[in-house]
């Protein structure tokens, strides 16, 4: 049980951090990057399973990729609703 939580934190944290580097302009900070990665792992698992694959399977590269995809999707949704990263254009 404790090992599972640690794995989710490590993989989620790394995935969230890398996703925040890819999706610039969100400015959430390290703690929220970890949360985004963990929630992203859940979202990524749903997406991959809906496409017929296996989702988050433990401490391996596939689970990291799934978490990363989900974190990117989550950050893009956050950016869509908050407008983060957009530049103001004034006419």
PDB file of N, CA and C in Angstrom:
ATOM      1  N   UNK A   1       0.831  -1.198   0.000  1.00  0.00           N
ATOM      2  CA  UNK A   1       0.000   0.000   0.000  1.00  0.00           C
ATOM      3  C   UNK A   1       0.867   1.250   0.000  1.00  0.00           C
ATOM      4  N   UNK A   2       1.820   1.337   0.931  1.00  0.00           N
ATOM      5  CA  UNK A   2       2.681   2.510   1.000  1.00  0.00           C
ATOM      6  C   UNK A   2       3.529   2.622  -0.259  1.00  0.00           C
ATOM      7  N   UNK A   3       4.013   1.483  -0.756  1.00  0.00           N
ATOM      8  CA  UNK A   3       4.825   1.478  -1.975  1.00  0.00           C
ATOM      9  C   UNK A   3       4.016   2.018  -3.154  1.00  0.00           C
ATOM     10  N   UNK A   4       2.750   1.660  -3.255  1.00  0.00           N
ATOM     11  CA  UNK A   4       1.894   2.140  -4.339  1.00  0.00           C
ATOM     12  C   UNK A   4       1.758   3.654  -4.284  1.00  0.00           C
ATOM     13  N   UNK A   5       1.563   4.200  -3.108  1.00  0.00           N
ATOM     14  CA  UNK A   5       1.433   5.642  -2.948  1.00  0.00           C
ATOM     15  C   UNK A   5       2.731   6.341  -3.344  1.00  0.00           C
ATOM     16  N   UNK A   6       3.853   5.787  -2.934  1.00  0.00           N
ATOM     17  CA  UNK A   6       5.150   6.373  -3.285  1.00  0.00           C
ATOM     18  C   UNK A   6       5.357   6.348  -4.795  1.00  0.00           C
ATOM     19  N   UNK A   7       4.997   5.238  -5.429  1.00  0.00           N
ATOM     20  CA  UNK A   7       5.131   5.127  -6.886  1.00  0.00           C
ATOM     21  C   UNK A   7       4.273   6.173  -7.580  1.00  0.00           C
ATOM     22  N   UNK A   8       3.029   6.334  -7.137  1.00  0.00           N
ATOM     23  CA  UNK A   8       2.147   7.344  -7.733  1.00  0.00           C
ATOM     24  C   UNK A   8       2.731   8.740  -7.562  1.00  0.00           C
ATOM     25  N   UNK A   9       3.297   9.037  -6.408  1.00  0.00           N
ATOM     26  CA  UNK A   9       3.885  10.358  -6.177  1.00  0.00           C
ATOM     27  C   UNK A   9       5.099  10.605  -7.062  1.00  0.00           C
ATOM     28  N   UNK A  10       5.958   9.607  -7.161  1.00  0.00           N
ATOM     29  CA  UNK A  10       7.173   9.771  -7.968  1.00  0.00           C
ATOM     30  C   UNK A  10       6.831   9.896  -9.452  1.00  0.00           C
ATOM     31  N   UNK A  11       6.080   8.945  -9.967  1.00  0.00           N
ATOM     32  CA  UNK A  11       5.730   8.980 -11.393  1.00  0.00           C
ATOM     33  C   UNK A  11       4.850  10.181 -11.689  1.00  0.00           C
ATOM     34  N   UNK A  12       3.887  10.449 -10.842  1.00  0.00           N
ATOM     35  CA  UNK A  12       3.015  11.604 -11.035  1.00  0.00           C
ATOM     36  C   UNK A  12       3.773  12.913 -10.980  1.00  0.00           C
ATOM     37  N   UNK A  13       4.692  13.026 -10.034  1.00  0.00           N
ATOM     38  CA  UNK A  13       5.490  14.245  -9.929  1.00  0.00           C
ATOM     39  C   UNK A  13       6.349  14.483 -11.146  1.00  0.00           C
ATOM     40  N   UNK A  14       7.029  13.444 -11.600  1.00  0.00           N
ATOM     41  CA  UNK A  14       7.862  13.591 -12.794  1.00  0.00           C
ATOM     42  C   UNK A  14       7.030  13.887 -14.038  1.00  0.00           C
ATOM     43  N   UNK A  15       5.935  13.173 -14.188  1.00  0.00           N
ATOM     44  CA  UNK A  15       5.072  13.398 -15.350  1.00  0.00           C
ATOM     45  C   UNK A  15       4.470  14.798 -15.327  1.00  0.00           C
ATOM     46  N   UNK A  16       4.021  15.245 -14.169  1.00  0.00           N
ATOM     47  CA  UNK A  16       3.440  16.587 -14.057  1.00  0.00           C
ATOM     48  C   UNK A  16       4.468  17.668 -14.323  1.00  0.00           C
ATOM     49  N   UNK A  17       5.671  17.472 -13.811  1.00  0.00           N
ATOM     50  CA  UNK A  17       6.734  18.457 -14.020  1.00  0.00           C
ATOM     51  C   UNK A  17       7.113  18.548 -15.503  1.00  0.00           C
ATOM     52  N   UNK A  18       7.314  17.396 -16.148  1.00  0.00           N
ATOM     53  CA  UNK A  18       7.656  17.412 -17.566  1.00  0.00           C
ATOM     54  C   UNK A  18       6.513  17.949 -18.427  1.00  0.00           C
ATOM     55  N   UNK A  19       5.281  17.624 -18.059  1.00  0.00           N
ATOM     56  CA  UNK A  19       4.140  18.152 -18.799  1.00  0.00           C
ATOM     57  C   UNK A  19       4.061  19.670 -18.661  1.00  0.00           C
ATOM     58  N   UNK A  20       4.391  20.194 -17.480  1.00  0.00           N
ATOM     59  CA  UNK A  20       4.356  21.648 -17.301  1.00  0.00           C
ATOM     60  C   UNK A  20       5.455  22.335 -18.106  1.00  0.00           C
ATOM     61  N   UNK A  21       6.565  21.642 -18.342  1.00  0.00           N
ATOM     62  CA  UNK A  21       7.601  22.192 -19.206  1.00  0.00           C
ATOM     63  C   UNK A  21       7.136  22.219 -20.660  1.00  0.00           C
ATOM     64  N   UNK A  22       6.403  21.186 -21.064  1.00  0.00           N
ATOM     65  CA  UNK A  22       5.900  21.110 -22.428  1.00  0.00           C
ATOM     66  C   UNK A  22       4.783  22.122 -22.657  1.00  0.00           C
ATOM     67  N   UNK A  23       3.850  22.204 -21.724  1.00  0.00           N
ATOM     68  CA  UNK A  23       2.720  23.127 -21.821  1.00  0.00           C
ATOM     69  C   UNK A  23       3.098  24.359 -21.014  1.00  0.00           C
ATOM     70  N   UNK A  24       3.829  25.240 -21.624  1.00  0.00           N
ATOM     71  CA  UNK A  24       4.334  26.415 -20.906  1.00  0.00           C
ATOM     72  C   UNK A  24       3.215  27.394 -20.570  1.00  0.00           C
ATOM     73  N   UNK A  25       3.488  28.210 -19.574  1.00  0.00           N
ATOM     74  CA  UNK A  25       2.577  29.302 -19.268  1.00  0.00           C
ATOM     75  C   UNK A  25       1.540  29.006 -18.215  1.00  0.00           C
ATOM     76  N   UNK A  26       1.539  27.802 -17.639  1.00  0.00           N
ATOM     77  CA  UNK A  26       0.537  27.520 -16.616  1.00  0.00           C
ATOM     78  C   UNK A  26       0.981  28.037 -15.257  1.00  0.00           C
ATOM     79  N   UNK A  27       2.281  27.984 -14.950  1.00  0.00           N
ATOM     80  CA  UNK A  27       2.829  28.545 -13.721  1.00  0.00           C
ATOM     81  C   UNK A  27       2.208  28.015 -12.453  1.00  0.00           C
ATOM     82  N   UNK A  28       2.004  26.719 -12.352  1.00  0.00           N
ATOM     83  CA  UNK A  28       1.328  26.151 -11.196  1.00  0.00           C
ATOM     84  C   UNK A  28       2.253  25.923 -10.004  1.00  0.00           C
ATOM     85  N   UNK A  29       3.512  25.670 -10.228  1.00  0.00           N
ATOM     86  CA  UNK A  29       4.442  25.384  -9.141  1.00  0.00           C
ATOM     87  C   UNK A  29       4.619  23.890  -8.948  1.00  0.00           C
ATOM     88  N   UNK A  30       5.650  23.527  -8.197  1.00  0.00           N
ATOM     89  CA  UNK A  30       6.039  22.128  -8.051  1.00  0.00           C
ATOM     90  C   UNK A  30       4.955  21.272  -7.399  1.00  0.00           C
ATOM     91  N   UNK A  31       4.358  21.739  -6.320  1.00  0.00           N
ATOM     92  CA  UNK A  31       3.347  20.947  -5.625  1.00  0.00           C
ATOM     93  C   UNK A  31       2.149  20.660  -6.522  1.00  0.00           C
ATOM     94  N   UNK A  32       1.668  21.669  -7.217  1.00  0.00           N
ATOM     95  CA  UNK A  32       0.530  21.441  -8.112  1.00  0.00           C
ATOM     96  C   UNK A  32       0.935  20.637  -9.334  1.00  0.00           C
ATOM     97  N   UNK A  33       2.207  20.707  -9.755  1.00  0.00           N
ATOM     98  CA  UNK A  33       2.687  19.844 -10.837  1.00  0.00           C
ATOM     99  C   UNK A  33       2.563  18.383 -10.431  1.00  0.00           C
ATOM    100  N   UNK A  34       2.871  18.078  -9.178  1.00  0.00           N
ATOM    101  CA  UNK A  34       2.735  16.704  -8.680  1.00  0.00           C
ATOM    102  C   UNK A  34       1.271  16.283  -8.692  1.00  0.00           C
ATOM    103  N   UNK A  35       0.404  17.163  -8.228  1.00  0.00           N
ATOM    104  CA  UNK A  35      -1.032  16.863  -8.223  1.00  0.00           C
ATOM    105  C   UNK A  35      -1.525  16.654  -9.655  1.00  0.00           C
ATOM    106  N   UNK A  36      -1.087  17.533 -10.567  1.00  0.00           N
ATOM    107  CA  UNK A  36      -1.473  17.408 -11.971  1.00  0.00           C
ATOM    108  C   UNK A  36      -0.993  16.069 -12.536  1.00  0.00           C
ATOM    109  N   UNK A  37       0.210  15.669 -12.181  1.00  0.00           N
ATOM    110  CA  UNK A  37       0.726  14.387 -12.651  1.00  0.00           C
ATOM    111  C   UNK A  37      -0.071  13.209 -12.139  1.00  0.00           C
ATOM    112  N   UNK A  38      -0.467  13.245 -10.878  1.00  0.00           N
ATOM    113  CA  UNK A  38      -1.249  12.153 -10.301  1.00  0.00           C
ATOM    114  C   UNK A  38      -2.639  12.096 -10.929  1.00  0.00           C
ATOM    115  N   UNK A  39      -3.284  13.250 -11.019  1.00  0.00           N
ATOM    116  CA  UNK A  39      -4.591  13.294 -11.675  1.00  0.00           C
ATOM    117  C   UNK A  39      -4.431  12.950 -13.159  1.00  0.00           C
ATOM    118  N   UNK A  40      -3.326  13.395 -13.752  1.00  0.00           N
ATOM    119  CA  UNK A  40      -3.048  13.067 -15.146  1.00  0.00           C
ATOM    120  C   UNK A  40      -2.887  11.575 -15.366  1.00  0.00           C
ATOM    121  N   UNK A  41      -2.320  10.868 -14.394  1.00  0.00           N
ATOM    122  CA  UNK A  41      -2.198   9.414 -14.503  1.00  0.00           C
ATOM    123  C   UNK A  41      -3.575   8.767 -14.572  1.00  0.00           C
ATOM    124  N   UNK A  42      -4.500   9.282 -13.789  1.00  0.00           N
ATOM    125  CA  UNK A  42      -5.873   8.757 -13.821  1.00  0.00           C
ATOM    126  C   UNK A  42      -6.512   9.050 -15.170  1.00  0.00           C
ATOM    127  N   UNK A  43      -6.397  10.311 -15.621  1.00  0.00           N
ATOM    128  CA  UNK A  43      -6.969  10.709 -16.910  1.00  0.00           C
ATOM    129  C   UNK A  43      -6.320   9.920 -18.049  1.00  0.00           C
ATOM    130  N   UNK A  44      -4.988   9.827 -18.011  1.00  0.00           N
ATOM    131  CA  UNK A  44      -4.284   9.065 -19.033  1.00  0.00           C
ATOM    132  C   UNK A  44      -4.698   7.609 -19.053  1.00  0.00           C
ATOM    133  N   UNK A  45      -4.896   7.035 -17.866  1.00  0.00           N
ATOM    134  CA  UNK A  45      -5.363   5.653 -17.780  1.00  0.00           C
ATOM    135  C   UNK A  45      -6.721   5.476 -18.433  1.00  0.00           C
ATOM    136  N   UNK A  46      -7.624   6.412 -18.200  1.00  0.00           N
ATOM    137  CA  UNK A  46      -8.945   6.352 -18.835  1.00  0.00           C
ATOM    138  C   UNK A  46      -8.827   6.464 -20.354  1.00  0.00           C
ATOM    139  N   UNK A  47      -8.001   7.395 -20.809  1.00  0.00           N
ATOM    140  CA  UNK A  47      -7.841   7.599 -22.257  1.00  0.00           C
ATOM    141  C   UNK A  47      -7.275   6.348 -22.913  1.00  0.00           C
ATOM    142  N   UNK A  48      -6.200   5.807 -22.342  1.00  0.00           N
ATOM    143  CA  UNK A  48      -5.543   4.636 -22.935  1.00  0.00           C
ATOM    144  C   UNK A  48      -6.459   3.420 -22.890  1.00  0.00           C
ATOM    145  N   UNK A  49      -7.164   3.230 -21.782  1.00  0.00           N
ATOM    146  CA  UNK A  49      -8.077   2.093 -21.694  1.00  0.00           C
ATOM    147  C   UNK A  49      -9.244   2.244 -22.661  1.00  0.00           C
ATOM    148  N   UNK A  50      -9.708   3.470 -22.887  1.00  0.00           N
ATOM    149  CA  UNK A  50     -10.785   3.698 -23.851  1.00  0.00           C
ATOM    150  C   UNK A  50     -10.326   3.368 -25.272  1.00  0.00           C
ATOM    151  N   UNK A  51      -9.031   3.497 -25.516  1.00  0.00           N
ATOM    152  CA  UNK A  51      -8.477   3.171 -26.834  1.00  0.00           C
ATOM    153  C   UNK A  51      -8.065   1.707 -26.940  1.00  0.00           C
ATOM    154  N   UNK A  52      -8.309   0.921 -25.886  1.00  0.00           N
ATOM    155  CA  UNK A  52      -8.054  -0.508 -25.926  1.00  0.00           C
ATOM    156  C   UNK A  52      -6.739  -0.955 -25.308  1.00  0.00           C
ATOM    157  N   UNK A  53      -5.978  -0.036 -24.719  1.00  0.00           N
ATOM    158  CA  UNK A  53      -4.703  -0.398 -24.103  1.00  0.00           C
ATOM    159  C   UNK A  53      -4.843  -0.599 -22.610  1.00  0.00           C
ATOM    160  N   UNK A  54      -3.711  -0.819 -21.967  1.00  0.00           N
ATOM    161  CA  UNK A  54      -3.722  -0.924 -20.507  1.00  0.00           C
ATOM    162  C   UNK A  54      -3.214   0.386 -19.931  1.00  0.00           C
ATOM    163  N   UNK A  55      -3.861   0.854 -18.891  1.00  0.00           N
ATOM    164  CA  UNK A  55      -3.534   2.151 -18.296  1.00  0.00           C
ATOM    165  C   UNK A  55      -2.327   2.089 -17.387  1.00  0.00           C
ATOM    166  N   UNK A  56      -2.432   2.723 -16.260  1.00  0.00           N
ATOM    167  CA  UNK A  56      -1.365   2.809 -15.266  1.00  0.00           C
ATOM    168  C   UNK A  56      -1.139   1.437 -14.653  1.00  0.00           C
ATOM    169  N   UNK A  57       0.064   0.870 -14.855  1.00  0.00           N
ATOM    170  CA  UNK A  57       0.301  -0.519 -14.447  1.00  0.00           C
ATOM    171  C   UNK A  57       1.374  -0.675 -13.380  1.00  0.00           C
ATOM    172  N   UNK A  58       1.904   0.392 -12.832  1.00  0.00           N
ATOM    173  CA  UNK A  58       2.926   0.289 -11.804  1.00  0.00           C
ATOM    174  C   UNK A  58       4.138   1.129 -12.132  1.00  0.00           C
ATOM    175  N   UNK A  59       5.258   0.780 -11.553  1.00  0.00           N
ATOM    176  CA  UNK A  59       6.489   1.550 -11.708  1.00  0.00           C
ATOM    177  C   UNK A  59       7.233   1.078 -12.955  1.00  0.00           C
ATOM    178  N   UNK A  60       6.839   1.614 -14.112  1.00  0.00           N
ATOM    179  CA  UNK A  60       7.474   1.266 -15.376  1.00  0.00           C
ATOM    180  C   UNK A  60       7.324   2.420 -16.367  1.00  0.00           C
ATOM    181  N   UNK A  61       7.982   2.319 -17.494  1.00  0.00           N
ATOM    182  CA  UNK A  61       7.985   3.404 -18.470  1.00  0.00           C
ATOM    183  C   UNK A  61       6.600   3.624 -19.075  1.00  0.00           C
ATOM    184  N   UNK A  62       5.836   2.544 -19.271  1.00  0.00           N
ATOM    185  CA  UNK A  62       4.501   2.692 -19.842  1.00  0.00           C
ATOM    186  C   UNK A  62       3.603   3.528 -18.922  1.00  0.00           C
ATOM    187  N   UNK A  63       3.656   3.272 -17.639  1.00  0.00           N
ATOM    188  CA  UNK A  63       2.851   4.049 -16.696  1.00  0.00           C
ATOM    189  C   UNK A  63       3.267   5.510 -16.702  1.00  0.00           C
ATOM    190  N   UNK A  64       4.567   5.757 -16.845  1.00  0.00           N
ATOM    191  CA  UNK A  64       5.046   7.137 -16.926  1.00  0.00           C
ATOM    192  C   UNK A  64       4.498   7.819 -18.172  1.00  0.00           C
ATOM    193  N   UNK A  65       4.502   7.119 -19.296  1.00  0.00           N
ATOM    194  CA  UNK A  65       3.980   7.699 -20.540  1.00  0.00           C
ATOM    195  C   UNK A  65       2.489   7.989 -20.406  1.00  0.00           C
ATOM    196  N   UNK A  66       1.753   7.063 -19.817  1.00  0.00           N
ATOM    197  CA  UNK A  66       0.321   7.259 -19.600  1.00  0.00           C
ATOM    198  C   UNK A  66       0.074   8.472 -18.700  1.00  0.00           C
ATOM    199  N   UNK A  67       0.833   8.579 -17.609  1.00  0.00           N
ATOM    200  CA  UNK A  67       0.685   9.717 -16.692  1.00  0.00           C
ATOM    201  C   UNK A  67       1.053  11.018 -17.385  1.00  0.00           C
ATOM    202  N   UNK A  68       2.092  11.002 -18.201  1.00  0.00           N
ATOM    203  CA  UNK A  68       2.525  12.190 -18.918  1.00  0.00           C
ATOM    204  C   UNK A  68       1.452  12.652 -19.904  1.00  0.00           C
ATOM    205  N   UNK A  69       0.886  11.728 -20.675  1.00  0.00           N
ATOM    206  CA  UNK A  69      -0.179  12.077 -21.622  1.00  0.00           C
ATOM    207  C   UNK A  69      -1.364  12.684 -20.883  1.00  0.00           C
ATOM    208  N   UNK A  70      -1.765  12.057 -19.798  1.00  0.00           N
ATOM    209  CA  UNK A  70      -2.886  12.581 -19.013  1.00  0.00           C
ATOM    210  C   UNK A  70      -2.590  13.940 -18.413  1.00  0.00           C
ATOM    211  N   UNK A  71      -1.363  14.151 -17.945  1.00  0.00           N
ATOM    212  CA  UNK A  71      -0.992  15.443 -17.365  1.00  0.00           C
ATOM    213  C   UNK A  71      -0.997  16.532 -18.422  1.00  0.00           C
ATOM    214  N   UNK A  72      -0.526  16.222 -19.629  1.00  0.00           N
ATOM    215  CA  UNK A  72      -0.562  17.204 -20.717  1.00  0.00           C
ATOM    216  C   UNK A  72      -2.005  17.562 -21.052  1.00  0.00           C
ATOM    217  N   UNK A  73      -2.863  16.547 -21.155  1.00  0.00           N
ATOM    218  CA  UNK A  73      -4.278  16.800 -21.437  1.00  0.00           C
ATOM    219  C   UNK A  73      -4.886  17.676 -20.346  1.00  0.00           C
ATOM    220  N   UNK A  74      -4.601  17.353 -19.087  1.00  0.00           N
ATOM    221  CA  UNK A  74      -5.137  18.140 -17.973  1.00  0.00           C
ATOM    222  C   UNK A  74      -4.630  19.580 -18.011  1.00  0.00           C
ATOM    223  N   UNK A  75      -3.349  19.778 -18.274  1.00  0.00           N
ATOM    224  CA  UNK A  75      -2.808  21.141 -18.337  1.00  0.00           C
ATOM    225  C   UNK A  75      -3.394  21.926 -19.498  1.00  0.00           C
ATOM    226  N   UNK A  76      -3.638  21.275 -20.614  1.00  0.00           N
ATOM    227  CA  UNK A  76      -4.270  21.966 -21.739  1.00  0.00           C
ATOM    228  C   UNK A  76      -5.698  22.385 -21.402  1.00  0.00           C
ATOM    229  N   UNK A  77      -6.401  21.536 -20.655  1.00  0.00           N
ATOM    230  CA  UNK A  77      -7.756  21.886 -20.217  1.00  0.00           C
ATOM    231  C   UNK A  77      -7.700  23.060 -19.239  1.00  0.00           C
ATOM    232  N   UNK A  78      -6.757  23.011 -18.287  1.00  0.00           N
ATOM    233  CA  UNK A  78      -6.596  24.117 -17.336  1.00  0.00           C
ATOM    234  C   UNK A  78      -6.281  25.406 -18.079  1.00  0.00           C
ATOM    235  N   UNK A  79      -5.381  25.328 -19.046  1.00  0.00           N
ATOM    236  CA  UNK A  79      -5.012  26.507 -19.826  1.00  0.00           C
ATOM    237  C   UNK A  79      -6.212  27.041 -20.605  1.00  0.00           C
ATOM    238  N   UNK A  80      -7.044  26.152 -21.133  1.00  0.00           N
ATOM    239  CA  UNK A  80      -8.219  26.554 -21.889  1.00  0.00           C
ATOM    240  C   UNK A  80      -9.183  27.369 -21.029  1.00  0.00           C
ATOM    241  N   UNK A  81      -9.394  26.925 -19.785  1.00  0.00           N
ATOM    242  CA  UNK A  81     -10.354  27.588 -18.918  1.00  0.00           C
ATOM    243  C   UNK A  81      -9.791  28.796 -18.177  1.00  0.00           C
ATOM    244  N   UNK A  82      -8.485  28.804 -17.919  1.00  0.00           N
ATOM    245  CA  UNK A  82      -7.914  29.925 -17.171  1.00  0.00           C
ATOM    246  C   UNK A  82      -7.321  30.987 -18.084  1.00  0.00           C
ATOM    247  N   UNK A  83      -7.055  30.632 -19.318  1.00  0.00           N
ATOM    248  CA  UNK A  83      -6.438  31.576 -20.236  1.00  0.00           C
ATOM    249  C   UNK A  83      -4.953  31.756 -19.973  1.00  0.00           C
ATOM    250  N   UNK A  84      -4.364  30.895 -19.157  1.00  0.00           N
ATOM    251  CA  UNK A  84      -2.938  31.003 -18.850  1.00  0.00           C
ATOM    252  C   UNK A  84      -2.119  30.799 -20.112  1.00  0.00           C
ATOM    253  N   UNK A  85      -1.081  31.591 -20.268  1.00  0.00           N
ATOM    254  CA  UNK A  85      -0.193  31.451 -21.403  1.00  0.00           C
ATOM    255  C   UNK A  85      -0.602  32.264 -22.611  1.00  0.00           C
ATOM    256  N   UNK A  86      -1.772  32.871 -22.560  1.00  0.00           N
ATOM    257  CA  UNK A  86      -2.197  33.708 -23.672  1.00  0.00           C
ATOM    258  C   UNK A  86      -1.629  35.104 -23.525  1.00  0.00           C
ATOM    259  N   UNK A  87      -1.342  35.695 -24.623  1.00  0.00           N
ATOM    260  CA  UNK A  87      -0.889  37.070 -24.595  1.00  0.00           C
ATOM    261  C   UNK A  87      -2.054  37.978 -24.898  1.00  0.00           C
ATOM    262  N   UNK A  88      -2.101  39.075 -24.208  1.00  0.00           N
ATOM    263  CA  UNK A  88      -3.198  40.009 -24.413  1.00  0.00           C
ATOM    264  C   UNK A  88      -2.954  40.790 -25.701  1.00  0.00           C
ATOM    265  N   UNK A  89      -3.966  40.819 -26.530  1.00  0.00           N
ATOM    266  CA  UNK A  89      -3.837  41.597 -27.771  1.00  0.00           C
ATOM    267  C   UNK A  89      -4.808  42.762 -27.683  1.00  0.00           C
ATOM    268  N   UNK A  90      -4.266  43.914 -27.820  1.00  0.00           N
ATOM    269  CA  UNK A  90      -5.085  45.121 -27.739  1.00  0.00           C
ATOM    270  C   UNK A  90      -5.087  45.804 -29.098  1.00  0.00           C
ATOM    271  N   UNK A  91      -6.242  46.229 -29.507  1.00  0.00           N
ATOM    272  CA  UNK A  91      -6.363  46.897 -30.801  1.00  0.00           C
ATOM    273  C   UNK A  91      -6.571  48.366 -30.578  1.00  0.00           C
TER     274      UNK A  91
END
